[in-house]
Amino acid sequence: MSQQAPEKPRGRCVFPEREPVRVWTTLQHGDYVEVWSTDSFRYLAYVDDLADDGTLIWVVEDGMGSRHLLVRGDPVTLYSI
């Protein structure tokens, strides 16, 4: 018997009523976000820290606890939850 992994959503956020965060300076420590990379859902995370000018943001992946640095210009889109 073979099992297939559930298909990941592609091209739109898990919470479709959400708009992408276009200005990262609007985020604050503790905000919950979806992180997408090249139109593929990656993970849910909490904002841990961010640069005052909005060019860098640290997020902590929900569940795994991995900390990721995102840089403005990276192929990522954030959706506020």
C-alpha atoms as a PDB file:
ATOM      1  CA  MET A   1       0.000   0.000   0.000  1.00  0.00           C
ATOM      2  CA  SER A   2       1.381   3.411  -0.882  1.00  0.00           C
ATOM      3  CA  GLN A   3       0.458   6.583   0.905  1.00  0.00           C
ATOM      4  CA  GLN A   4       0.524   9.953  -0.722  1.00  0.00           C
ATOM      5  CA  ALA A   5       1.417  13.077   1.157  1.00  0.00           C
ATOM      6  CA  PRO A   6      -1.336  15.679   1.261  1.00  0.00           C
ATOM      7  CA  GLU A   7      -0.910  18.256  -1.459  1.00  0.00           C
ATOM      8  CA  LYS A   8       0.326  21.643  -0.254  1.00  0.00           C
ATOM      9  CA  PRO A   9      -1.640  24.705  -1.284  1.00  0.00           C
ATOM     10  CA  ARG A  10       0.028  26.614  -4.109  1.00  0.00           C
ATOM     11  CA  GLY A  11      -0.182  30.217  -5.192  1.00  0.00           C
ATOM     12  CA  ARG A  12      -2.392  31.672  -2.464  1.00  0.00           C
ATOM     13  CA  CYS A  13      -2.310  31.969   1.283  1.00  0.00           C
ATOM     14  CA  VAL A  14      -3.923  29.408   3.568  1.00  0.00           C
ATOM     15  CA  PHE A  15      -6.166  32.170   4.916  1.00  0.00           C
ATOM     16  CA  PRO A  16      -7.484  33.620   1.610  1.00  0.00           C
ATOM     17  CA  GLU A  17      -9.019  36.754   3.163  1.00  0.00           C
ATOM     18  CA  ARG A  18      -5.539  37.990   4.112  1.00  0.00           C
ATOM     19  CA  GLU A  19      -3.589  40.545   2.114  1.00  0.00           C
ATOM     20  CA  PRO A  20       0.207  40.341   1.876  1.00  0.00           C
ATOM     21  CA  VAL A  21       2.221  42.519   4.242  1.00  0.00           C
ATOM     22  CA  ARG A  22       3.762  45.033   1.842  1.00  0.00           C
ATOM     23  CA  VAL A  23       5.472  47.221   4.468  1.00  0.00           C
ATOM     24  CA  TRP A  24       7.332  45.128   7.037  1.00  0.00           C
ATOM     25  CA  THR A  25       7.614  48.069   9.441  1.00  0.00           C
ATOM     26  CA  THR A  26       3.893  47.580  10.190  1.00  0.00           C
ATOM     27  CA  LEU A  27       4.734  44.279  11.907  1.00  0.00           C
ATOM     28  CA  GLN A  28       5.553  44.043  15.601  1.00  0.00           C
ATOM     29  CA  HIS A  29       7.228  41.522  17.869  1.00  0.00           C
ATOM     30  CA  GLY A  30       4.813  38.635  18.462  1.00  0.00           C
ATOM     31  CA  ASP A  31       2.716  39.107  15.300  1.00  0.00           C
ATOM     32  CA  TYR A  32       1.693  35.817  13.670  1.00  0.00           C
ATOM     33  CA  VAL A  33       2.426  35.465   9.941  1.00  0.00           C
ATOM     34  CA  GLU A  34       2.334  32.972   7.089  1.00  0.00           C
ATOM     35  CA  VAL A  35       5.631  32.813   5.233  1.00  0.00           C
ATOM     36  CA  TRP A  36       5.496  32.044   1.518  1.00  0.00           C
ATOM     37  CA  SER A  37       8.414  31.583  -0.841  1.00  0.00           C
ATOM     38  CA  THR A  38       8.050  31.584  -4.620  1.00  0.00           C
ATOM     39  CA  ASP A  39       4.268  31.028  -4.413  1.00  0.00           C
ATOM     40  CA  SER A  40       4.629  27.976  -2.186  1.00  0.00           C
ATOM     41  CA  PHE A  41       3.457  27.910   1.442  1.00  0.00           C
ATOM     42  CA  ARG A  42       6.355  27.347   3.792  1.00  0.00           C
ATOM     43  CA  TYR A  43       5.318  27.803   7.430  1.00  0.00           C
ATOM     44  CA  LEU A  44       3.511  29.806  10.090  1.00  0.00           C
ATOM     45  CA  ALA A  45       5.715  31.931  12.322  1.00  0.00           C
ATOM     46  CA  TYR A  46       5.886  34.611  14.982  1.00  0.00           C
ATOM     47  CA  VAL A  47       7.775  37.855  14.413  1.00  0.00           C
ATOM     48  CA  ASP A  48      10.745  37.811  16.764  1.00  0.00           C
ATOM     49  CA  ASP A  49      12.598  40.985  15.773  1.00  0.00           C
ATOM     50  CA  LEU A  50      12.875  43.410  12.872  1.00  0.00           C
ATOM     51  CA  ALA A  51      15.023  46.274  11.672  1.00  0.00           C
ATOM     52  CA  ASP A  52      13.616  49.769  12.177  1.00  0.00           C
ATOM     53  CA  ASP A  53      13.772  50.396   8.428  1.00  0.00           C
ATOM     54  CA  GLY A  54      11.911  47.156   7.578  1.00  0.00           C
ATOM     55  CA  THR A  55      14.732  45.585   5.573  1.00  0.00           C
ATOM     56  CA  LEU A  56      15.303  42.619   7.907  1.00  0.00           C
ATOM     57  CA  ILE A  57      12.930  40.497   9.925  1.00  0.00           C
ATOM     58  CA  TRP A  58      13.513  37.529  12.215  1.00  0.00           C
ATOM     59  CA  VAL A  59      10.682  35.012  12.530  1.00  0.00           C
ATOM     60  CA  VAL A  60      10.349  31.909  14.709  1.00  0.00           C
ATOM     61  CA  GLU A  61       8.650  29.002  12.986  1.00  0.00           C
ATOM     62  CA  ASP A  62       5.558  27.834  14.859  1.00  0.00           C
ATOM     63  CA  GLY A  63       5.889  24.267  16.065  1.00  0.00           C
ATOM     64  CA  MET A  64       9.544  23.754  15.116  1.00  0.00           C
ATOM     65  CA  GLY A  65      10.953  26.812  16.861  1.00  0.00           C
ATOM     66  CA  SER A  66      13.469  27.423  14.073  1.00  0.00           C
ATOM     67  CA  ARG A  67      14.499  31.056  13.754  1.00  0.00           C
ATOM     68  CA  HIS A  68      14.765  32.465  10.221  1.00  0.00           C
ATOM     69  CA  LEU A  69      16.190  35.739   8.950  1.00  0.00           C
ATOM     70  CA  LEU A  70      14.228  37.223   6.049  1.00  0.00           C
ATOM     71  CA  VAL A  71      15.685  40.057   4.008  1.00  0.00           C
ATOM     72  CA  ARG A  72      13.612  42.523   2.000  1.00  0.00           C
ATOM     73  CA  GLY A  73      14.159  41.522  -1.605  1.00  0.00           C
ATOM     74  CA  ASP A  74      14.170  37.792  -0.806  1.00  0.00           C
ATOM     75  CA  PRO A  75      11.539  35.895  -2.790  1.00  0.00           C
ATOM     76  CA  VAL A  76       9.187  35.725   0.214  1.00  0.00           C
ATOM     77  CA  THR A  77       5.729  37.071   0.941  1.00  0.00           C
ATOM     78  CA  LEU A  78       4.350  37.480   4.441  1.00  0.00           C
ATOM     79  CA  TYR A  79       0.656  37.317   5.291  1.00  0.00           C
ATOM     80  CA  SER A  80      -0.482  38.675   8.656  1.00  0.00           C
ATOM     81  CA  ILE A  81      -2.763  36.351  10.593  1.00  0.00           C
END
